[in-house]
Protein backbone atom coordinates (compact mmCIF):
# COMPACT_ATOMS: atom_id res chain seq x y z
CA MET A 1 26.29 10.66 -8.98
CA SER A 2 23.24 9.01 -7.46
CA ASN A 3 20.19 11.19 -6.90
CA ALA A 4 18.89 8.96 -4.13
CA VAL A 5 17.81 10.34 -0.79
CA PRO A 6 20.65 9.99 1.77
CA PRO A 7 20.50 6.88 3.97
CA TYR A 8 18.11 7.02 6.87
CA ASP A 9 19.55 9.03 9.77
CA ARG A 10 19.23 6.59 12.65
CA ARG A 11 20.29 9.14 15.29
CA ALA A 12 17.54 11.53 14.23
CA ASN A 13 15.12 8.62 14.02
CA GLU A 14 15.90 7.61 17.60
CA MET A 15 15.15 11.14 18.78
CA ASN A 16 11.90 11.33 16.81
CA ASP A 17 10.67 7.87 17.74
CA ALA A 18 11.77 7.68 21.36
CA ALA A 19 8.34 6.45 22.38
CA GLN A 20 8.56 3.43 20.12
CA ASP A 21 10.01 0.19 21.45
CA THR A 22 13.52 -0.71 20.42
CA VAL A 23 14.08 -4.40 19.76
CA THR A 24 17.59 -5.72 20.22
CA ASP A 25 19.17 -9.12 20.48
CA THR A 26 21.62 -9.10 23.37
CA ALA A 27 22.84 -12.65 22.78
CA ARG A 28 26.05 -12.93 20.77
CA ASN A 29 26.28 -16.73 21.00
CA GLY A 30 29.89 -16.49 22.13
CA THR A 31 31.05 -14.76 18.94
CA ASP A 32 32.19 -11.26 18.04
CA GLU A 33 29.56 -10.90 15.31
CA PRO A 34 27.50 -7.70 15.54
CA VAL A 35 24.08 -7.91 17.15
CA VAL A 36 21.21 -7.99 14.64
CA VAL A 37 18.76 -5.19 15.39
CA ARG A 38 15.29 -4.73 13.96
CA PRO A 39 15.20 -1.28 12.33
CA ARG A 40 12.58 1.11 13.56
CA SER A 41 9.42 1.12 11.52
CA ALA A 42 8.71 4.02 9.18
CA THR A 43 5.27 4.30 10.79
CA HIS A 44 4.53 4.05 14.50
CA GLY A 45 1.73 1.76 15.66
CA ALA A 46 -0.11 4.75 17.14
CA VAL A 47 -0.29 6.34 13.68
CA ALA A 48 -1.89 3.19 12.29
CA ALA A 49 -4.29 2.96 15.25
CA ALA A 50 -5.34 6.59 14.82
CA GLY A 51 -6.12 5.95 11.17
CA LEU A 52 -8.22 2.88 11.95
CA VAL A 53 -10.17 4.62 14.71
CA ALA A 54 -10.84 7.65 12.51
CA PHE A 55 -11.97 5.42 9.65
CA LEU A 56 -14.47 3.54 11.83
CA LEU A 57 -15.63 6.75 13.52
CA SER A 58 -16.27 8.42 10.16
CA LEU A 59 -18.25 5.37 9.02
CA THR A 60 -20.34 5.59 12.19
CA ILE A 61 -21.03 9.29 11.57
CA LEU A 62 -22.11 8.55 8.01
CA ARG A 63 -24.46 5.79 9.13
CA VAL A 64 -26.03 7.76 11.98
CA ASP A 65 -26.29 11.30 10.57
CA ARG A 66 -26.16 10.61 6.80
CA PRO A 67 -24.73 14.14 6.11
CA PHE A 68 -24.33 13.36 2.40
CA GLY A 69 -27.39 11.17 1.93
CA ASP A 70 -26.77 8.48 -0.65
CA ASP A 71 -23.84 10.28 -2.27
CA VAL A 72 -21.13 7.63 -1.88
CA VAL A 73 -18.43 9.78 -3.52
CA ALA A 74 -18.86 12.66 -1.05
CA SER A 75 -19.16 10.14 1.79
CA ALA A 76 -15.98 8.35 0.70
CA LEU A 77 -14.08 11.64 0.53
CA PHE A 78 -15.33 12.50 4.01
CA MET A 79 -13.96 9.20 5.32
CA ILE A 80 -10.65 9.66 3.53
CA GLY A 81 -10.35 13.23 4.79
CA MET A 82 -11.10 12.33 8.39
CA THR A 83 -8.75 9.33 8.33
CA SER A 84 -5.99 11.33 6.65
CA ALA A 85 -6.28 14.13 9.21
CA ALA A 86 -5.91 11.68 12.10
CA VAL A 87 -2.91 9.93 10.53
CA LEU A 88 -1.11 13.14 9.58
CA LEU A 89 -1.73 14.84 12.93
CA VAL A 90 -0.22 11.95 14.88
CA ASP A 91 2.62 11.47 12.39
CA LEU A 92 3.55 15.15 12.09
CA LEU A 93 2.83 16.50 15.57
CA TRP A 94 3.93 13.54 17.69
CA GLN A 95 6.29 11.52 15.53
CA LYS A 96 7.58 14.69 13.80
CA SER A 97 8.13 12.75 10.61
CA TYR A 98 8.98 15.97 8.75
CA ARG A 99 12.32 16.08 10.60
CA ARG A 100 13.56 12.74 9.26
CA ALA A 101 16.53 12.72 6.96
CA SER A 102 14.61 10.38 4.66
CA THR A 103 12.34 13.27 3.66
CA GLY A 104 15.25 14.88 1.84
CA LEU A 105 14.34 18.15 3.60
CA SER A 106 16.77 20.27 5.58
CA PRO A 107 15.09 22.57 8.16
CA GLY A 108 17.97 25.04 8.06
CA ARG A 109 17.94 25.29 4.27
CA ASN A 110 16.15 28.19 2.60
CA THR A 111 16.91 28.42 -1.11
CA PRO A 112 13.69 29.50 -2.81
CA SER A 113 13.55 29.35 -6.59
CA TRP A 114 10.45 30.17 -8.57
CA SER A 115 12.21 28.87 -11.66
CA ARG A 116 12.54 25.38 -10.15
CA THR A 117 9.00 25.59 -8.74
CA LEU A 118 7.47 26.44 -12.11
CA PHE A 119 9.36 23.61 -13.75
CA LYS A 120 8.00 21.27 -11.09
CA PHE A 121 4.47 22.55 -11.56
CA ALA A 122 4.84 21.94 -15.29
CA GLY A 123 6.08 18.46 -14.40
CA LEU A 124 3.01 17.89 -12.24
CA LEU A 125 0.71 18.94 -15.09
CA GLY A 126 2.68 16.72 -17.47
CA SER A 127 2.32 13.77 -15.07
CA LEU A 128 -1.43 14.30 -14.87
CA GLY A 129 -1.57 14.60 -18.64
CA PHE A 130 0.31 11.31 -18.99
CA ILE A 131 -2.30 9.49 -16.89
CA ALA A 132 -5.18 11.31 -18.62
CA LEU A 133 -3.82 10.21 -21.99
CA LEU A 134 -3.85 6.57 -20.85
CA TYR A 135 -7.41 6.90 -19.55
CA TRP A 136 -8.46 8.34 -22.91
CA LEU A 137 -6.58 5.69 -24.86
CA PHE A 138 -7.62 2.44 -23.15
CA PRO A 139 -11.24 1.23 -23.44
CA GLU A 140 -11.08 -0.14 -19.87
CA TYR A 141 -11.54 3.42 -18.58
CA HIS A 142 -14.44 4.38 -20.82
CA GLY A 143 -17.21 2.37 -19.13
CA LYS A 144 -19.45 3.25 -16.21
CA PHE A 145 -17.41 1.21 -13.75
CA TYR A 146 -15.15 4.17 -12.95
CA ASP A 147 -17.86 6.87 -12.84
CA ASN A 148 -17.41 7.41 -9.10
CA TYR A 149 -13.68 7.80 -9.56
CA TYR A 150 -14.11 10.48 -12.23
CA ARG A 151 -16.58 12.30 -9.99
CA MET A 152 -14.00 12.22 -7.22
CA LEU A 153 -11.35 13.68 -9.53
CA ALA A 154 -13.72 16.48 -10.56
CA LEU A 155 -14.16 17.40 -6.90
CA ILE A 156 -10.56 17.27 -5.68
CA LEU A 157 -8.42 18.23 -8.68
CA PRO A 158 -9.28 21.98 -8.83
CA PRO A 159 -8.41 22.78 -5.16
CA TRP A 160 -5.48 20.35 -5.28
CA LEU A 161 -3.95 22.18 -8.26
CA VAL A 162 -4.49 25.55 -6.56
CA LEU A 163 -2.62 24.34 -3.48
CA ALA A 164 0.06 22.52 -5.46
CA LEU A 165 2.02 25.60 -6.55
CA PRO A 166 2.64 27.11 -3.07
CA TYR A 167 3.26 23.64 -1.66
CA LEU A 168 5.83 22.84 -4.34
CA HIS A 169 7.54 26.17 -3.67
CA PHE A 170 7.65 25.58 0.09
CA VAL A 171 9.04 22.05 -0.21
CA ASP A 172 11.51 22.96 -2.95
CA ARG A 173 13.19 25.63 -0.84
CA LYS A 174 13.88 23.04 1.90
CA MET A 175 15.06 20.18 -0.31
CA SER A 176 18.73 19.24 -0.08
CA ARG A 177 18.48 17.86 -3.63
CA PRO A 178 15.79 19.93 -5.33
CA PHE A 179 16.24 18.61 -8.88
CA ASP A 180 13.76 15.78 -8.44
CA GLY A 181 11.46 13.84 -10.73
CA TYR A 182 9.02 16.71 -11.09
CA TRP A 183 11.79 19.10 -12.12
CA HIS A 184 13.09 16.68 -14.75
CA MET A 185 9.54 16.01 -15.95
CA GLY A 186 8.96 19.77 -16.17
CA ARG A 187 12.08 20.21 -18.28
CA LEU A 188 10.85 17.41 -20.52
CA VAL A 189 7.35 18.79 -21.14
CA THR A 190 8.69 22.33 -21.74
CA MET A 191 11.09 20.86 -24.30
CA GLN A 192 14.26 21.89 -22.48
CA TRP A 193 15.90 18.52 -22.73
CA ASP A 194 19.54 19.39 -22.15
CA LYS A 195 19.50 18.54 -18.41
CA VAL A 196 16.82 15.83 -18.38
CA ASP A 197 17.84 12.52 -16.76
CA ALA A 198 15.88 9.75 -18.50
CA ARG A 199 16.26 7.35 -15.57
CA ILE A 200 14.74 9.81 -13.13
CA VAL A 201 11.88 10.59 -15.52
CA GLY A 202 11.30 6.87 -16.05
CA GLN A 203 11.03 6.20 -12.31
CA HIS A 204 8.81 9.25 -11.92
CA LEU A 205 6.37 8.04 -14.57
CA LEU A 206 6.38 4.50 -13.18
CA GLY A 207 5.29 5.94 -9.84
CA TRP A 208 2.47 7.85 -11.49
CA LEU A 209 1.51 4.74 -13.45
CA VAL A 210 1.11 2.87 -10.15
CA LYS A 211 -1.16 5.60 -8.84
CA GLY A 212 -3.07 5.86 -12.11
CA PHE A 213 -3.80 2.14 -12.20
CA PHE A 214 -4.57 1.32 -8.57
CA LEU A 215 -6.32 4.48 -7.34
CA PRO A 216 -9.38 4.24 -9.65
CA LEU A 217 -9.76 0.54 -8.94
CA MET A 218 -9.50 0.87 -5.15
CA PHE A 219 -11.68 3.98 -4.96
CA THR A 220 -14.37 2.23 -6.97
CA TYR A 221 -14.23 -0.77 -4.63
CA MET A 222 -14.39 1.58 -1.66
CA CYS A 223 -17.51 3.31 -2.98
CA ASN A 224 -19.19 -0.02 -3.68
CA ASP A 225 -18.42 -1.29 -0.18
CA LEU A 226 -19.46 2.01 1.40
CA GLY A 227 -22.81 1.89 -0.37
CA ARG A 228 -23.47 -1.54 1.13
CA PHE A 229 -22.43 -0.52 4.65
CA LEU A 230 -24.50 2.68 4.62
CA THR A 231 -27.65 0.64 4.05
CA ALA A 232 -26.74 -2.55 5.97
CA ASP A 233 -29.25 -3.55 8.65
CA ILE A 234 -26.72 -4.15 11.41
CA GLY A 235 -29.24 -3.90 14.25
CA HIS A 236 -30.99 -7.14 13.37
CA LEU A 237 -28.04 -9.47 12.81
CA SER A 238 -28.58 -12.96 14.13
CA GLY A 239 -26.39 -16.02 14.04
CA PHE A 240 -22.75 -16.65 13.21
CA LYS A 241 -23.22 -16.50 9.43
CA ALA A 242 -24.68 -12.98 9.53
CA TRP A 243 -21.85 -11.72 11.73
CA PHE A 244 -19.26 -13.51 9.64
CA ASP A 245 -20.52 -11.86 6.45
CA LEU A 246 -20.53 -8.44 8.12
CA LEU A 247 -17.05 -8.67 9.64
CA TYR A 248 -15.49 -10.26 6.57
CA GLY A 249 -16.86 -7.48 4.37
CA LEU A 250 -15.83 -4.82 6.89
CA CYS A 251 -12.23 -6.05 6.89
CA TYR A 252 -11.94 -5.67 3.13
CA PHE A 253 -13.73 -2.32 3.27
CA ILE A 254 -11.16 -1.06 5.78
CA ASP A 255 -8.43 -2.43 3.53
CA VAL A 256 -9.51 -0.61 0.36
CA GLY A 257 -10.34 2.58 2.26
CA LEU A 258 -6.88 2.86 3.82
CA VAL A 259 -5.26 1.88 0.54
CA VAL A 260 -7.03 4.77 -1.20
CA MET A 261 -5.77 7.12 1.50
CA GLY A 262 -2.24 5.81 0.94
CA TYR A 263 -2.33 6.55 -2.78
CA LEU A 264 -3.61 10.08 -2.14
CA LEU A 265 -1.18 10.99 0.67
CA ALA A 266 2.20 10.69 -1.01
CA LEU A 267 3.75 13.79 0.62
CA ARG A 268 7.43 14.49 1.10
CA VAL A 269 6.77 16.80 4.03
CA ALA A 270 5.16 13.86 5.87
CA ASP A 271 7.89 11.43 4.74
CA THR A 272 5.24 9.36 2.91
CA HIS A 273 6.63 10.20 -0.52
CA LEU A 274 7.71 7.56 -3.00
CA ARG A 275 11.37 6.58 -2.85
CA SER A 276 11.34 4.31 -5.88
CA ALA A 277 9.00 2.28 -8.09
CA GLU A 278 9.39 -1.38 -9.03
CA PRO A 279 11.85 -1.31 -11.96
CA SER A 280 11.35 -4.80 -13.42
CA MET A 281 8.79 -6.11 -15.87
CA LEU A 282 8.49 -9.32 -13.84
CA GLY A 283 7.57 -7.37 -10.72
CA TRP A 284 4.87 -5.48 -12.58
CA ALA A 285 3.52 -8.59 -14.30
CA VAL A 286 3.05 -10.69 -11.16
CA ALA A 287 1.44 -7.75 -9.34
CA LEU A 288 -0.96 -6.60 -12.05
CA VAL A 289 -2.18 -10.12 -12.86
CA CYS A 290 -3.71 -10.24 -9.35
CA TYR A 291 -6.05 -7.32 -10.09
CA GLU A 292 -8.83 -6.51 -12.49
CA PRO A 293 -9.07 -6.35 -15.43
CA PHE A 294 -6.08 -8.69 -15.77
CA TRP A 295 -7.38 -11.28 -13.32
CA SER A 296 -10.51 -11.71 -15.44
CA LEU A 297 -8.35 -12.32 -18.49
CA PHE A 298 -5.82 -14.63 -16.85
CA GLY A 299 -7.14 -16.03 -13.59
CA ARG A 300 -10.47 -17.29 -14.82
CA GLN A 301 -8.96 -19.00 -17.83
CA TYR A 302 -5.79 -20.45 -16.35
CA LEU A 303 -6.03 -20.42 -12.53
CA HIS A 304 -9.72 -20.88 -11.80
CA TYR A 305 -9.34 -23.02 -8.69
CA ASP A 306 -12.87 -22.56 -7.31
CA SER A 307 -14.85 -25.81 -7.49
CA GLY A 308 -18.14 -24.13 -6.63
CA PHE A 309 -18.26 -26.02 -3.32
CA ALA A 310 -17.28 -23.58 -0.56
CA TRP A 311 -16.63 -24.10 3.13
CA GLY A 312 -20.10 -22.91 4.17
CA ALA A 313 -21.87 -25.64 2.25
CA TRP A 314 -19.36 -28.22 3.48
CA LEU A 315 -19.84 -27.49 7.21
CA TRP A 316 -23.37 -26.11 7.32
CA GLU A 317 -24.75 -29.22 9.03
CA THR A 318 -22.12 -29.09 11.82
CA PRO A 319 -22.54 -25.70 13.56
CA LEU A 320 -19.56 -26.10 15.88
CA LEU A 321 -17.09 -26.84 13.08
CA TYR A 322 -18.78 -24.15 10.97
CA GLY A 323 -18.07 -21.57 13.68
CA ILE A 324 -14.48 -22.73 14.24
CA TRP A 325 -13.68 -22.78 10.52
CA GLY A 326 -15.31 -19.40 9.92
CA SER A 327 -13.48 -17.91 12.90
CA ALA A 328 -10.17 -19.10 11.45
CA ILE A 329 -11.02 -17.38 8.15
CA LEU A 330 -11.89 -14.18 10.02
CA LEU A 331 -8.65 -14.35 12.00
CA LEU A 332 -6.59 -14.62 8.82
CA THR A 333 -8.57 -11.77 7.25
CA VAL A 334 -7.97 -9.59 10.33
CA ILE A 335 -4.23 -10.27 10.06
CA TYR A 336 -4.40 -9.32 6.39
CA VAL A 337 -6.09 -5.98 7.07
CA TRP A 338 -3.81 -5.39 10.09
CA ALA A 339 -0.90 -5.48 7.66
CA THR A 340 -2.56 -2.74 5.59
CA VAL A 341 -3.42 -0.64 8.65
CA SER A 342 0.21 -0.84 9.79
CA PHE A 343 1.30 1.20 6.76
CA GLY A 344 -0.54 4.30 7.97
CA ALA A 345 -0.47 6.64 4.98
CA ARG A 346 2.32 4.75 3.18
CA PHE A 347 0.57 1.88 1.43
CA SER A 348 1.18 1.51 -2.28
CA ASN A 349 1.74 -1.46 -4.52
CA LEU A 350 4.94 -1.70 -6.56
CA THR A 351 6.67 1.12 -4.69
CA HIS A 352 9.00 1.83 -1.77
CA ARG A 353 7.66 4.44 0.65
CA GLY A 354 9.43 3.44 3.85
CA ILE A 355 10.15 0.13 5.56
CA ILE A 356 7.47 -1.18 7.93
CA THR A 357 8.85 -3.39 10.70
CA ASN A 358 6.11 -3.31 13.36
CA GLY A 359 2.60 -4.77 13.59
CA PRO A 360 2.44 -8.17 11.88
CA TYR A 361 5.72 -7.33 10.14
CA ARG A 362 7.45 -8.18 13.42
CA TRP A 363 6.96 -11.83 12.56
CA THR A 364 7.16 -12.12 8.79
CA LYS A 365 8.09 -9.97 5.81
CA HIS A 366 4.81 -10.78 4.03
CA PRO A 367 1.99 -11.13 6.57
CA ALA A 368 -0.69 -9.96 4.13
CA TYR A 369 0.29 -12.50 1.47
CA VAL A 370 0.57 -15.35 3.96
CA ALA A 371 -2.79 -14.60 5.59
CA LYS A 372 -4.64 -14.00 2.34
CA ASN A 373 -3.37 -17.14 0.64
CA LEU A 374 -4.11 -19.32 3.66
CA SER A 375 -7.63 -17.89 3.85
CA TRP A 376 -8.27 -18.87 0.22
CA TRP A 377 -7.51 -22.49 1.08
CA LEU A 378 -10.00 -22.36 3.94
CA ILE A 379 -12.67 -20.60 1.85
CA SER A 380 -12.52 -22.59 -1.38
CA ILE A 381 -11.51 -25.94 0.22
CA PRO A 382 -10.21 -27.41 -3.07
CA PHE A 383 -8.83 -30.39 -1.13
CA VAL A 384 -12.34 -31.56 -0.14
CA MET A 385 -13.48 -34.06 -2.74
CA HIS A 386 -16.72 -32.86 -4.29
CA GLY A 387 -16.30 -34.56 -7.64
CA THR A 388 -13.71 -36.88 -9.05
CA ALA A 389 -10.24 -37.32 -7.58
CA ASP A 390 -8.55 -35.76 -10.60
CA GLU A 391 -10.81 -32.69 -10.36
CA THR A 392 -9.87 -32.29 -6.68
CA LEU A 393 -6.18 -32.56 -7.54
CA ARG A 394 -6.58 -30.08 -10.40
CA HIS A 395 -8.21 -27.45 -8.17
CA CYS A 396 -5.47 -27.86 -5.55
CA LEU A 397 -2.76 -27.41 -8.16
CA LEU A 398 -4.49 -24.32 -9.57
CA LEU A 399 -4.66 -22.70 -6.13
CA LEU A 400 -1.00 -23.58 -5.64
CA GLY A 401 -0.42 -21.70 -8.90
CA VAL A 402 -2.07 -18.61 -7.40
CA ASN A 403 0.08 -19.04 -4.29
CA GLY A 404 3.10 -19.20 -6.60
CA ILE A 405 2.21 -15.84 -8.14
CA TYR A 406 2.14 -14.27 -4.68
CA ALA A 407 5.46 -15.93 -3.88
CA MET A 408 6.87 -14.24 -6.98
CA ARG A 409 5.38 -10.94 -5.86
CA ALA A 410 7.11 -11.35 -2.51
CA TRP A 411 10.43 -12.17 -4.18
CA THR A 412 10.33 -9.22 -6.59
CA GLU A 413 9.32 -6.87 -3.77
CA GLU A 414 12.25 -8.04 -1.67
CA ARG A 415 14.59 -7.59 -4.61
CA HIS A 416 13.32 -4.03 -5.05
CA LEU A 417 13.32 -3.07 -1.35
CA SER A 418 16.76 -4.57 -0.75
CA ARG A 419 18.20 -1.43 -2.33
CA ASP A 420 17.43 0.15 1.05
CA PRO A 421 19.94 -0.84 3.79
CA ASP A 422 17.13 -0.64 6.35
CA TYR A 423 15.28 -3.40 4.52
CA VAL A 424 18.41 -5.54 4.33
CA ALA A 425 18.83 -5.17 8.12
CA TYR A 426 15.14 -5.95 8.65
CA ALA A 427 15.34 -9.04 6.43
CA LYS A 428 18.34 -10.30 8.41
CA TRP A 429 16.47 -9.76 11.66
CA ILE A 430 13.43 -11.66 10.35
CA ASP A 431 15.70 -14.50 9.23
CA GLU A 432 16.83 -14.89 12.86
CA HIS A 433 13.65 -13.97 14.75
CA GLY A 434 10.75 -14.34 12.32
CA LEU A 435 7.85 -16.73 12.60
CA PHE A 436 9.09 -18.83 9.67
CA ARG A 437 12.79 -18.78 10.50
CA PHE A 438 12.80 -22.58 10.64
CA LEU A 439 12.10 -22.76 6.90
CA SER A 440 14.86 -22.94 4.33
CA ARG A 441 16.13 -19.43 3.73
CA VAL A 442 16.34 -17.99 0.25
CA PRO A 443 19.29 -15.58 -0.09
CA LEU A 444 18.16 -11.96 -0.26
CA PRO A 445 18.74 -10.60 -3.79
CA LEU A 446 21.09 -7.68 -3.32
CA PRO A 447 21.24 -4.91 -5.94
CA THR A 448 24.30 -3.80 -7.77
CA ARG A 449 23.39 -0.14 -7.50
CA ARG A 450 20.83 2.16 -5.93
CA PRO A 451 18.14 3.63 -8.24
CA PRO A 452 17.71 7.38 -8.60
CA GLU A 453 15.36 9.29 -6.33
CA PRO A 454 12.14 9.65 -8.38
CA SER A 455 10.28 12.09 -6.10
CA VAL A 456 6.92 11.02 -7.46
CA ALA A 457 5.21 13.03 -4.77
CA VAL A 458 6.73 15.89 -2.85
């Protein structure tokens, strides 16, 4: 029997999300075929907006009052805490996300079990130990690059572990299917293997592997960006280039900051928990190659498309074109970060944590990938001849290779998410109403079976 969370309860969702627009297609084109409806998004736009406002407000407080001085770790945690509070308050109090069937929680259920809770706590400790073992094993995590991340862990892990036990007990007593990934992991680490499901444990550890890889990288980027913005002389900016540099950097700072929040806020009670992790090696390979340290090993040797002649040098002598071209880059970057903001507290690579259908996802299934890849063409301008014709062609083909990797990421993500009927319905709606509906459609890869519920975070 599948251990997956029951399908999304659309009736309950309609009650919880009554304030959100419903998009329907009333035209049947003279046939009896059912109307294609865009499923409601897992996160309301107001939740995303609250997170963005809180993030910018917390940055303003840090710049004006400097409550933590030059301590970027404490400052970053302040920003994450303030942003998380705003997102969770709107999501829980207004959207009432805890009532959704997709949480796997039943309000009327009350079956407490300290035995299950202790197994889950042992599973949590085993999951942390699994990641700690990898950090100890791989040299990548022994340098100074991740010092801020380790300082962050030293600050948050003790209170987090203290709160984990009562939280696990509270959630467990309300779960309709309480034997989740933590319970199976707990049975494994306590060497009671008779009831352990290897598939559930495998999905559980994949989810923790995602968190263990991306969280240190993104938190380190966030601290680096925060350090620059705390000391930036914004009051004396002059000219388009200065504003371009500021806004471009701010967009990516918002991106990594909200991504960090997403990895930290995987909570079943808020319906932001992980449903499943990418199960295929191909999906992992094409995702990881886009990030350090793998990009340094692969990208610079095989897909180094940068000719060293960027758009700024190309258009510097023509201020009008410089401003138009730079504005186009900023617009694409804003769309990219808008896609991240739209996730609220649900962003995570290589995982399924709810289907987003609003924001830029109204128009395409992969707005972040489309915007980011287009911006790289405008930034690196490999098509502008700066050397020989064959060098120009080579740089264009290399950037097309990078675009191909992101196309593979999109395909593997669709294959993974298509296990959810909501995503299948969303994909069909995009095929009929999306921005790129005129392009040749690639059939959606449908799964043969639904994966088990991993319950990476409760």
